[in-house]
Amino acid sequence: MCRHLAYVGGPVTLHELLFGAPHSLAEQAEHPRHQQSGDSNPDGWGVAWYEPGRGAPHVYRTVTPIWKDDEFARRSVDIECTTVLAAARLASPGAALDVSGNAPFVAGPWAFSLNGIVRGFTDGVGDELRSRLEPERRAALMGDADTEVLFGLVLQRIDAGAEPYEALEQVVAEVLAITTGRLNLLLTDGTTVYATRQGNSLFRLGSLFASEPLDDQPAWREVRDGTVSRHDAHGGAGHSIGKDLS
């Protein structure tokens, strides 16, 4: 599995979310409380962050475990942003331990991550899903991660006119029609965060989504399983996957 988070709102430093909070992403990556498989997430990590007036995010990815990445932890104190998407990786069985497999994956304004697994991905399911990508998008794949293929499928639907939350719903349904898995997806364009909860833990505090609460504030709420949510800096809404957004 993985641990991931996404935030949109007023300016924050990366350090606050990734390293400084009592149960920050670095802490929960090493010592998860709600993880269903694996007892840590040592296979690298990555972060995409957005600054006002910049359309595309900055991106940092590494195979170093987040809790050992002291150099970036020091840098993060001085990096202020308004939107963040970050993920710490526990690689799926059979996947290469290479930075090309680390979320977040980025294309244009979009950043994306998966906390979960597509079962059977290395035993034919991945080939089936890749075959559903348009040739140019399939040729652009850099690694062997299930996350990257799902991102391609999401972007393909957005390009065809689907709302981003609809694209996430459709990809979840498409995957579950041919296999099983856990499909917590995070997507952002720097102004809105979209999130699914399908099988793994997910919590929300305002417009901050995280696999686990970053602290003990009572305002954290567990996101209901089988739902998709859409939030920007002013608020948002969620609904059961397959129903109209309310």
Protein backbone atom coordinates (compact mmCIF):
# COMPACT_ATOMS: atom_id res chain seq x y z
CA MET A 1 0.00 0.00 0.00
CA CYS A 2 1.01 3.65 0.36
CA ARG A 3 0.24 6.70 2.45
CA HIS A 4 -0.76 9.86 0.66
CA LEU A 5 -2.27 13.30 1.20
CA ALA A 6 -3.60 16.28 -0.74
CA TYR A 7 -4.30 19.83 0.41
CA VAL A 8 -5.71 22.97 -1.17
CA GLY A 9 -6.23 26.25 0.67
CA GLY A 10 -4.27 29.08 2.24
CA PRO A 11 -0.48 29.14 2.09
CA VAL A 12 1.32 26.44 4.05
CA THR A 13 4.88 25.18 4.10
CA LEU A 14 5.57 21.70 2.86
CA HIS A 15 7.26 21.02 6.19
CA GLU A 16 3.98 21.44 8.07
CA LEU A 17 2.29 18.62 6.19
CA LEU A 18 5.15 16.31 5.33
CA PHE A 19 7.43 16.44 8.35
CA GLY A 20 6.28 18.80 11.09
CA ALA A 21 2.87 17.50 12.16
CA PRO A 22 2.73 14.93 14.98
CA HIS A 23 1.60 12.21 12.55
CA SER A 24 2.94 13.81 9.37
CA LEU A 25 3.27 11.94 6.12
CA ALA A 26 6.83 11.00 7.08
CA GLU A 27 5.67 9.65 10.44
CA GLN A 28 2.71 7.68 9.09
CA ALA A 29 4.80 6.31 6.24
CA GLU A 30 7.17 4.73 8.75
CA HIS A 31 4.62 3.95 11.46
CA PRO A 32 1.16 3.65 9.87
CA ARG A 33 -1.87 3.18 12.09
CA HIS A 34 -4.50 2.30 9.48
CA GLN A 35 -2.55 0.41 6.80
CA GLN A 36 -4.04 -2.90 5.68
CA SER A 37 -0.91 -4.50 4.22
CA GLY A 38 2.72 -3.82 5.01
CA ASP A 39 4.04 -2.22 8.16
CA SER A 40 5.86 0.70 6.53
CA ASN A 41 6.31 2.45 3.17
CA PRO A 42 10.04 2.35 2.43
CA ASP A 43 10.10 2.35 -1.39
CA GLY A 44 10.53 6.08 -1.96
CA TRP A 45 8.17 9.00 -2.03
CA GLY A 46 7.24 12.11 -3.99
CA VAL A 47 5.48 15.46 -3.78
CA ALA A 48 3.92 17.91 -6.23
CA TRP A 49 3.27 21.46 -5.03
CA TYR A 50 1.69 24.51 -6.59
CA GLU A 51 2.44 28.18 -6.20
CA PRO A 52 0.01 31.03 -7.07
CA GLY A 53 0.28 32.08 -10.69
CA ARG A 54 2.11 28.93 -11.76
CA GLY A 55 0.01 26.52 -13.85
CA ALA A 56 2.15 23.41 -13.51
CA PRO A 57 3.39 22.01 -10.22
CA HIS A 58 6.91 21.60 -8.98
CA VAL A 59 7.70 17.90 -8.58
CA TYR A 60 10.15 16.00 -6.43
CA ARG A 61 10.46 12.19 -6.42
CA THR A 62 13.06 9.89 -4.90
CA VAL A 63 13.61 6.26 -3.91
CA THR A 64 14.77 7.41 -0.47
CA PRO A 65 12.22 6.67 2.28
CA ILE A 66 10.55 9.91 3.29
CA TRP A 67 11.56 9.54 6.94
CA LYS A 68 15.22 9.36 5.88
CA ASP A 69 15.11 12.27 3.42
CA ASP A 70 16.76 14.78 5.73
CA GLU A 71 17.90 17.08 2.92
CA PHE A 72 14.41 17.66 1.55
CA ALA A 73 13.01 17.95 5.07
CA ARG A 74 15.36 20.90 5.60
CA ARG A 75 14.41 22.45 2.24
CA SER A 76 10.70 22.05 2.92
CA VAL A 77 10.75 24.60 5.73
CA ASP A 78 11.18 27.36 3.14
CA ILE A 79 8.77 26.04 0.48
CA GLU A 80 5.37 27.71 0.73
CA CYS A 81 2.49 26.64 -1.46
CA THR A 82 -1.30 26.60 -1.74
CA THR A 83 -1.84 23.06 -3.05
CA VAL A 84 0.07 19.86 -2.32
CA LEU A 85 -0.18 16.22 -3.34
CA ALA A 86 2.32 13.79 -1.80
CA ALA A 87 2.69 10.04 -1.47
CA ALA A 88 5.00 7.58 0.29
CA ARG A 89 5.33 4.27 -1.53
CA LEU A 90 5.13 0.61 -0.65
CA ALA A 91 5.60 -0.91 -4.09
CA SER A 92 3.07 -3.43 -5.34
CA PRO A 93 4.38 -7.01 -5.72
CA GLY A 94 6.39 -7.35 -8.91
CA ALA A 95 6.85 -3.61 -9.46
CA ALA A 96 10.32 -2.17 -10.04
CA LEU A 97 11.80 -0.15 -7.20
CA ASP A 98 12.54 2.83 -9.40
CA VAL A 99 11.63 6.51 -9.17
CA SER A 100 9.60 6.09 -12.38
CA GLY A 101 7.06 4.18 -10.30
CA ASN A 102 6.67 6.81 -7.59
CA ALA A 103 3.63 9.02 -7.25
CA PRO A 104 2.72 11.73 -7.75
CA PHE A 105 2.51 11.40 -11.50
CA VAL A 106 2.20 14.75 -13.25
CA ALA A 107 0.95 15.88 -16.68
CA GLY A 108 0.30 19.54 -17.44
CA PRO A 109 -1.56 20.99 -14.44
CA TRP A 110 -2.57 17.57 -13.10
CA ALA A 111 -0.99 15.53 -10.29
CA PHE A 112 -2.19 12.06 -9.29
CA SER A 113 -1.58 9.26 -6.80
CA LEU A 114 -2.98 5.87 -5.84
CA ASN A 115 -3.10 4.38 -2.37
CA GLY A 116 -4.00 0.81 -3.10
CA ILE A 117 -3.47 -2.04 -5.50
CA VAL A 118 -4.87 -3.35 -8.76
CA ARG A 119 -4.85 -7.09 -8.15
CA GLY A 120 -3.39 -9.15 -10.96
CA PHE A 121 -1.75 -6.11 -12.53
CA THR A 122 1.43 -8.04 -13.40
CA ASP A 123 -0.57 -11.12 -14.48
CA GLY A 124 -2.51 -9.71 -17.41
CA VAL A 125 -4.72 -7.05 -15.85
CA GLY A 126 -2.09 -4.38 -16.47
CA ASP A 127 -1.83 -5.35 -20.12
CA GLU A 128 -5.61 -5.17 -20.47
CA LEU A 129 -5.72 -1.70 -18.92
CA ARG A 130 -2.81 -0.46 -21.02
CA SER A 131 -4.58 -1.64 -24.15
CA ARG A 132 -7.41 0.77 -23.35
CA LEU A 133 -5.08 3.77 -23.52
CA GLU A 134 -4.77 5.69 -26.76
CA PRO A 135 -1.49 4.87 -28.54
CA GLU A 136 0.21 8.19 -27.74
CA ARG A 137 -0.71 7.97 -24.08
CA ARG A 138 0.39 4.33 -23.90
CA ALA A 139 3.72 5.20 -25.53
CA ALA A 140 4.30 7.94 -22.95
CA LEU A 141 4.31 5.51 -19.99
CA MET A 142 7.68 5.70 -18.25
CA GLY A 143 7.50 2.78 -15.81
CA ASP A 144 5.57 -0.32 -14.81
CA ALA A 145 3.41 1.10 -11.99
CA ASP A 146 -0.34 0.54 -11.87
CA THR A 147 -0.70 4.15 -10.70
CA GLU A 148 0.73 5.55 -13.92
CA VAL A 149 -1.68 3.49 -16.05
CA LEU A 150 -4.67 4.61 -13.97
CA PHE A 151 -3.53 8.22 -14.33
CA GLY A 152 -3.47 7.78 -18.10
CA LEU A 153 -7.00 6.41 -18.06
CA VAL A 154 -8.20 9.32 -15.92
CA LEU A 155 -6.61 11.92 -18.20
CA GLN A 156 -8.07 10.20 -21.24
CA ARG A 157 -11.56 10.63 -19.83
CA ILE A 158 -10.96 14.25 -18.86
CA ASP A 159 -9.74 14.97 -22.38
CA ALA A 160 -12.94 13.37 -23.70
CA GLY A 161 -15.06 15.82 -21.68
CA ALA A 162 -15.64 14.10 -18.35
CA GLU A 163 -15.55 16.15 -15.17
CA PRO A 164 -12.51 15.13 -13.11
CA TYR A 165 -14.60 13.45 -10.41
CA GLU A 166 -16.49 11.56 -13.13
CA ALA A 167 -13.19 10.41 -14.64
CA LEU A 168 -12.12 9.02 -11.26
CA GLU A 169 -15.45 7.24 -10.82
CA GLN A 170 -15.26 5.75 -14.30
CA VAL A 171 -11.74 4.44 -13.81
CA VAL A 172 -12.60 2.88 -10.45
CA ALA A 173 -15.60 1.17 -12.07
CA GLU A 174 -13.53 0.07 -15.06
CA VAL A 175 -10.87 -1.55 -12.89
CA LEU A 176 -13.37 -3.28 -10.60
CA ALA A 177 -15.19 -4.68 -13.64
CA ILE A 178 -12.16 -6.84 -14.50
CA THR A 179 -10.41 -7.41 -11.16
CA THR A 180 -10.48 -6.53 -7.46
CA GLY A 181 -8.38 -4.03 -5.58
CA ARG A 182 -8.19 -1.03 -3.32
CA LEU A 183 -8.46 2.23 -5.22
CA ASN A 184 -7.99 5.37 -3.17
CA LEU A 185 -7.18 7.97 -5.82
CA LEU A 186 -6.09 11.59 -5.37
CA LEU A 187 -6.13 14.09 -8.24
CA THR A 188 -5.55 17.85 -8.34
CA ASP A 189 -5.06 20.62 -10.88
CA GLY A 190 -3.77 23.05 -8.25
CA THR A 191 -7.16 24.60 -7.49
CA THR A 192 -9.35 21.59 -6.63
CA VAL A 193 -8.64 18.26 -4.98
CA TYR A 194 -10.59 15.17 -6.03
CA ALA A 195 -10.45 12.02 -3.91
CA THR A 196 -11.92 8.54 -3.96
CA ARG A 197 -12.05 6.18 -1.05
CA GLN A 198 -12.37 2.59 -2.23
CA GLY A 199 -10.99 0.04 0.20
CA ASN A 200 -8.27 1.91 2.11
CA SER A 201 -8.30 4.48 4.90
CA LEU A 202 -8.93 8.15 4.13
CA PHE A 203 -9.62 11.08 6.44
CA ARG A 204 -10.44 14.74 5.85
CA LEU A 205 -9.90 17.96 7.77
CA GLY A 206 -11.38 20.85 5.81
CA SER A 207 -9.76 20.63 2.39
CA LEU A 208 -6.93 18.38 3.56
CA PHE A 209 -7.24 14.69 2.70
CA ALA A 210 -4.85 12.13 4.18
CA SER A 211 -4.60 8.39 4.58
CA GLU A 212 -4.36 9.03 8.32
CA PRO A 213 -5.02 12.11 10.48
CA LEU A 214 -1.91 14.24 10.83
CA ASP A 215 -2.70 15.12 14.44
CA ASP A 216 -5.27 14.59 17.20
CA GLN A 217 -7.66 17.40 16.28
CA PRO A 218 -11.24 16.17 16.84
CA ALA A 219 -12.37 17.83 13.59
CA TRP A 220 -10.86 15.06 11.46
CA ARG A 221 -13.57 13.00 9.76
CA GLU A 222 -13.24 9.57 8.20
CA VAL A 223 -14.28 9.66 4.55
CA ARG A 224 -16.98 7.11 3.80
CA ASP A 225 -15.87 4.11 1.78
CA GLY A 226 -17.17 3.90 -1.79
CA THR A 227 -17.27 7.68 -2.28
CA VAL A 228 -15.72 10.41 -4.40
CA SER A 229 -15.15 13.95 -3.09
CA ARG A 230 -14.38 17.33 -4.63
CA HIS A 231 -12.95 20.18 -2.55
CA ASP A 232 -11.36 23.54 -3.22
CA ALA A 233 -10.19 26.25 -0.85
CA HIS A 234 -13.80 27.28 -0.14
CA GLY A 235 -15.34 23.90 0.57
CA GLY A 236 -16.69 20.95 -1.33
CA ALA A 237 -18.94 17.91 -1.46
CA GLY A 238 -18.85 14.16 -1.76
CA HIS A 239 -21.15 11.39 -2.94
CA SER A 240 -21.34 7.63 -3.35
CA ILE A 241 -19.56 6.49 -6.47
CA GLY A 242 -22.11 6.13 -9.25
CA LYS A 243 -24.49 8.80 -7.94
CA ASP A 244 -24.84 12.47 -8.86
CA LEU A 245 -22.61 14.88 -6.97
CA SER A 246 -24.65 16.80 -4.40
